[in-house]
Amino acid sequence: MNEEQLKQNHPETYNSIFNAGVSAGTKAEAERVGVWMDYADTNLDEVRAGIISGKSITEDVIQFYADVDSKLKSLGTVN
């Protein structure tokens, strides 16, 4: 059975599966963007580019932003 057959023959099942996928995708995207946004005060332009890229933030980037954020806080330029 392919997708179209499932949709035609079992619309409730198809819709249930489809809606579950939409919910999971929406949640995953919100989490991905949220992690990027944690560093918006550090470098908004780079964070914006990271979000637009569609990629998840890497551990290396997280560590870099954490280091920069720590230095900026010690200088009193970031809350």
N, C-alpha and C. Protein backbone atom coordinates (compact mmCIF):
# COMPACT_ATOMS: atom_id res chain seq x y z
N MET A 1 0.86 -1.17 0.00
CA MET A 1 0.00 0.00 0.00
C MET A 1 0.90 1.24 0.00
N ASN A 2 0.62 2.17 -0.88
CA ASN A 2 1.39 3.40 -0.93
C ASN A 2 0.63 4.52 -0.20
N GLU A 3 1.23 5.69 -0.19
CA GLU A 3 0.65 6.81 0.55
C GLU A 3 -0.75 7.16 0.03
N GLU A 4 -0.90 7.24 -1.27
CA GLU A 4 -2.19 7.62 -1.85
C GLU A 4 -3.27 6.59 -1.53
N GLN A 5 -2.92 5.32 -1.57
CA GLN A 5 -3.88 4.27 -1.22
C GLN A 5 -4.28 4.37 0.25
N LEU A 6 -3.32 4.61 1.11
CA LEU A 6 -3.62 4.77 2.54
C LEU A 6 -4.54 5.97 2.74
N LYS A 7 -4.24 7.05 2.05
CA LYS A 7 -5.05 8.26 2.17
C LYS A 7 -6.48 8.01 1.71
N GLN A 8 -6.66 7.31 0.62
CA GLN A 8 -7.99 7.03 0.07
C GLN A 8 -8.76 5.99 0.88
N ASN A 9 -8.09 4.92 1.27
CA ASN A 9 -8.76 3.80 1.93
C ASN A 9 -8.88 3.94 3.44
N HIS A 10 -7.99 4.68 4.03
CA HIS A 10 -7.97 4.82 5.50
C HIS A 10 -7.66 6.27 5.87
N PRO A 11 -8.56 7.19 5.55
CA PRO A 11 -8.26 8.62 5.77
C PRO A 11 -8.00 8.99 7.23
N GLU A 12 -8.68 8.35 8.16
CA GLU A 12 -8.45 8.67 9.57
C GLU A 12 -7.04 8.27 9.99
N THR A 13 -6.62 7.10 9.57
CA THR A 13 -5.27 6.64 9.90
C THR A 13 -4.24 7.54 9.24
N TYR A 14 -4.45 7.86 7.97
CA TYR A 14 -3.54 8.75 7.26
C TYR A 14 -3.43 10.09 7.97
N ASN A 15 -4.57 10.69 8.29
CA ASN A 15 -4.56 12.00 8.96
C ASN A 15 -3.89 11.94 10.32
N SER A 16 -4.10 10.86 11.04
CA SER A 16 -3.46 10.70 12.34
C SER A 16 -1.94 10.67 12.20
N ILE A 17 -1.46 9.89 11.24
CA ILE A 17 -0.02 9.79 11.01
C ILE A 17 0.53 11.14 10.53
N PHE A 18 -0.17 11.76 9.60
CA PHE A 18 0.27 13.05 9.06
C PHE A 18 0.34 14.10 10.15
N ASN A 19 -0.70 14.20 10.96
CA ASN A 19 -0.73 15.20 12.03
C ASN A 19 0.34 14.95 13.09
N ALA A 20 0.63 13.69 13.36
CA ALA A 20 1.70 13.37 14.31
C ALA A 20 3.04 13.85 13.76
N GLY A 21 3.24 13.68 12.46
CA GLY A 21 4.47 14.15 11.83
C GLY A 21 4.59 15.66 11.86
N VAL A 22 3.48 16.34 11.61
CA VAL A 22 3.48 17.80 11.66
C VAL A 22 3.82 18.27 13.07
N SER A 23 3.20 17.66 14.06
CA SER A 23 3.47 18.05 15.46
C SER A 23 4.93 17.82 15.83
N ALA A 24 5.46 16.67 15.45
CA ALA A 24 6.86 16.36 15.76
C ALA A 24 7.80 17.33 15.06
N GLY A 25 7.51 17.64 13.81
CA GLY A 25 8.34 18.58 13.06
C GLY A 25 8.30 19.98 13.63
N THR A 26 7.12 20.41 14.02
CA THR A 26 6.96 21.74 14.61
C THR A 26 7.72 21.84 15.92
N LYS A 27 7.63 20.80 16.74
CA LYS A 27 8.34 20.78 18.02
C LYS A 27 9.85 20.79 17.80
N ALA A 28 10.32 19.98 16.87
CA ALA A 28 11.76 19.91 16.59
C ALA A 28 12.28 21.24 16.09
N GLU A 29 11.52 21.90 15.22
CA GLU A 29 11.96 23.20 14.69
C GLU A 29 11.97 24.26 15.78
N ALA A 30 10.97 24.25 16.65
CA ALA A 30 10.94 25.21 17.76
C ALA A 30 12.14 25.00 18.68
N GLU A 31 12.50 23.76 18.94
CA GLU A 31 13.65 23.48 19.78
C GLU A 31 14.95 23.91 19.10
N ARG A 32 15.08 23.65 17.79
CA ARG A 32 16.28 24.04 17.05
C ARG A 32 16.47 25.55 17.08
N VAL A 33 15.39 26.28 16.80
CA VAL A 33 15.46 27.75 16.79
C VAL A 33 15.73 28.26 18.21
N GLY A 34 15.12 27.65 19.20
CA GLY A 34 15.31 28.08 20.58
C GLY A 34 16.76 27.96 21.04
N VAL A 35 17.43 26.91 20.63
CA VAL A 35 18.84 26.75 21.00
C VAL A 35 19.68 27.85 20.34
N TRP A 36 19.41 28.13 19.07
CA TRP A 36 20.11 29.24 18.42
C TRP A 36 19.83 30.55 19.16
N MET A 37 18.57 30.80 19.50
CA MET A 37 18.18 32.06 20.12
C MET A 37 18.80 32.28 21.49
N ASP A 38 19.24 31.22 22.13
CA ASP A 38 19.93 31.37 23.41
C ASP A 38 21.16 32.27 23.28
N TYR A 39 21.69 32.39 22.06
CA TYR A 39 22.91 33.15 21.83
C TYR A 39 22.67 34.42 21.02
N ALA A 40 21.42 34.85 20.91
CA ALA A 40 21.08 36.04 20.13
C ALA A 40 21.75 37.30 20.69
N ASP A 41 21.90 37.39 22.00
CA ASP A 41 22.56 38.56 22.59
C ASP A 41 24.05 38.60 22.29
N THR A 42 24.61 37.45 21.96
CA THR A 42 26.04 37.36 21.69
C THR A 42 26.37 37.82 20.27
N ASN A 43 25.61 37.33 19.28
CA ASN A 43 25.83 37.73 17.89
C ASN A 43 24.56 37.45 17.09
N LEU A 44 23.67 38.42 17.07
CA LEU A 44 22.36 38.23 16.43
C LEU A 44 22.48 37.91 14.95
N ASP A 45 23.40 38.54 14.24
CA ASP A 45 23.53 38.28 12.80
C ASP A 45 23.92 36.83 12.52
N GLU A 46 24.86 36.30 13.29
CA GLU A 46 25.27 34.90 13.10
C GLU A 46 24.16 33.95 13.52
N VAL A 47 23.46 34.28 14.58
CA VAL A 47 22.33 33.45 15.03
C VAL A 47 21.25 33.44 13.96
N ARG A 48 20.93 34.60 13.43
CA ARG A 48 19.93 34.69 12.36
C ARG A 48 20.34 33.83 11.16
N ALA A 49 21.61 33.91 10.78
CA ALA A 49 22.11 33.12 9.64
C ALA A 49 22.02 31.62 9.95
N GLY A 50 22.32 31.26 11.18
CA GLY A 50 22.22 29.84 11.57
C GLY A 50 20.80 29.34 11.50
N ILE A 51 19.86 30.14 11.95
CA ILE A 51 18.45 29.75 11.90
C ILE A 51 18.00 29.61 10.45
N ILE A 52 18.34 30.59 9.62
CA ILE A 52 17.94 30.57 8.22
C ILE A 52 18.55 29.38 7.49
N SER A 53 19.75 28.97 7.90
CA SER A 53 20.43 27.85 7.23
C SER A 53 19.65 26.53 7.37
N GLY A 54 18.82 26.45 8.41
CA GLY A 54 18.07 25.21 8.65
C GLY A 54 18.88 24.16 9.39
N LYS A 55 20.12 24.48 9.72
CA LYS A 55 20.98 23.53 10.41
C LYS A 55 20.83 23.66 11.92
N SER A 56 21.10 22.57 12.60
CA SER A 56 21.14 22.61 14.06
C SER A 56 22.48 23.20 14.49
N ILE A 57 22.46 23.84 15.64
CA ILE A 57 23.70 24.40 16.17
C ILE A 57 24.59 23.25 16.64
N THR A 58 25.89 23.38 16.42
CA THR A 58 26.81 22.31 16.81
C THR A 58 27.38 22.59 18.20
N GLU A 59 27.94 21.57 18.79
CA GLU A 59 28.56 21.72 20.12
C GLU A 59 29.71 22.72 20.07
N ASP A 60 30.46 22.72 18.97
CA ASP A 60 31.57 23.68 18.84
C ASP A 60 31.07 25.11 18.83
N VAL A 61 29.97 25.35 18.12
CA VAL A 61 29.40 26.70 18.06
C VAL A 61 28.84 27.09 19.42
N ILE A 62 28.18 26.16 20.08
CA ILE A 62 27.65 26.43 21.42
C ILE A 62 28.79 26.82 22.37
N GLN A 63 29.90 26.08 22.32
CA GLN A 63 31.03 26.38 23.19
C GLN A 63 31.63 27.74 22.86
N PHE A 64 31.74 28.06 21.57
CA PHE A 64 32.26 29.36 21.15
C PHE A 64 31.39 30.48 21.69
N TYR A 65 30.06 30.38 21.49
CA TYR A 65 29.17 31.43 21.97
C TYR A 65 29.18 31.52 23.49
N ALA A 66 29.29 30.39 24.17
CA ALA A 66 29.36 30.42 25.63
C ALA A 66 30.62 31.15 26.09
N ASP A 67 31.73 30.91 25.41
CA ASP A 67 32.98 31.60 25.76
C ASP A 67 32.86 33.10 25.50
N VAL A 68 32.32 33.47 24.34
CA VAL A 68 32.15 34.89 24.01
C VAL A 68 31.20 35.54 25.00
N ASP A 69 30.08 34.85 25.29
CA ASP A 69 29.10 35.39 26.22
C ASP A 69 29.72 35.62 27.59
N SER A 70 30.54 34.68 28.04
CA SER A 70 31.20 34.80 29.33
C SER A 70 32.13 36.02 29.35
N LYS A 71 32.87 36.21 28.26
CA LYS A 71 33.78 37.36 28.18
C LYS A 71 33.00 38.67 28.15
N LEU A 72 31.91 38.70 27.39
CA LEU A 72 31.09 39.92 27.33
C LEU A 72 30.47 40.24 28.68
N LYS A 73 30.02 39.20 29.39
CA LYS A 73 29.46 39.42 30.73
C LYS A 73 30.51 39.97 31.68
N SER A 74 31.73 39.47 31.58
CA SER A 74 32.79 39.96 32.47
C SER A 74 33.12 41.42 32.18
N LEU A 75 32.85 41.85 30.93
CA LEU A 75 33.07 43.26 30.57
C LEU A 75 31.84 44.10 30.87
N GLY A 76 30.73 43.45 31.23
CA GLY A 76 29.52 44.16 31.55
C GLY A 76 28.72 44.63 30.33
N THR A 77 28.95 43.99 29.18
CA THR A 77 28.25 44.42 27.97
C THR A 77 27.04 43.55 27.63
N VAL A 78 26.84 42.45 28.35
CA VAL A 78 25.70 41.55 28.12
C VAL A 78 25.11 41.21 29.48
N ASN A 79 23.77 41.07 29.51
CA ASN A 79 23.11 40.68 30.76
C ASN A 79 23.26 39.20 31.00
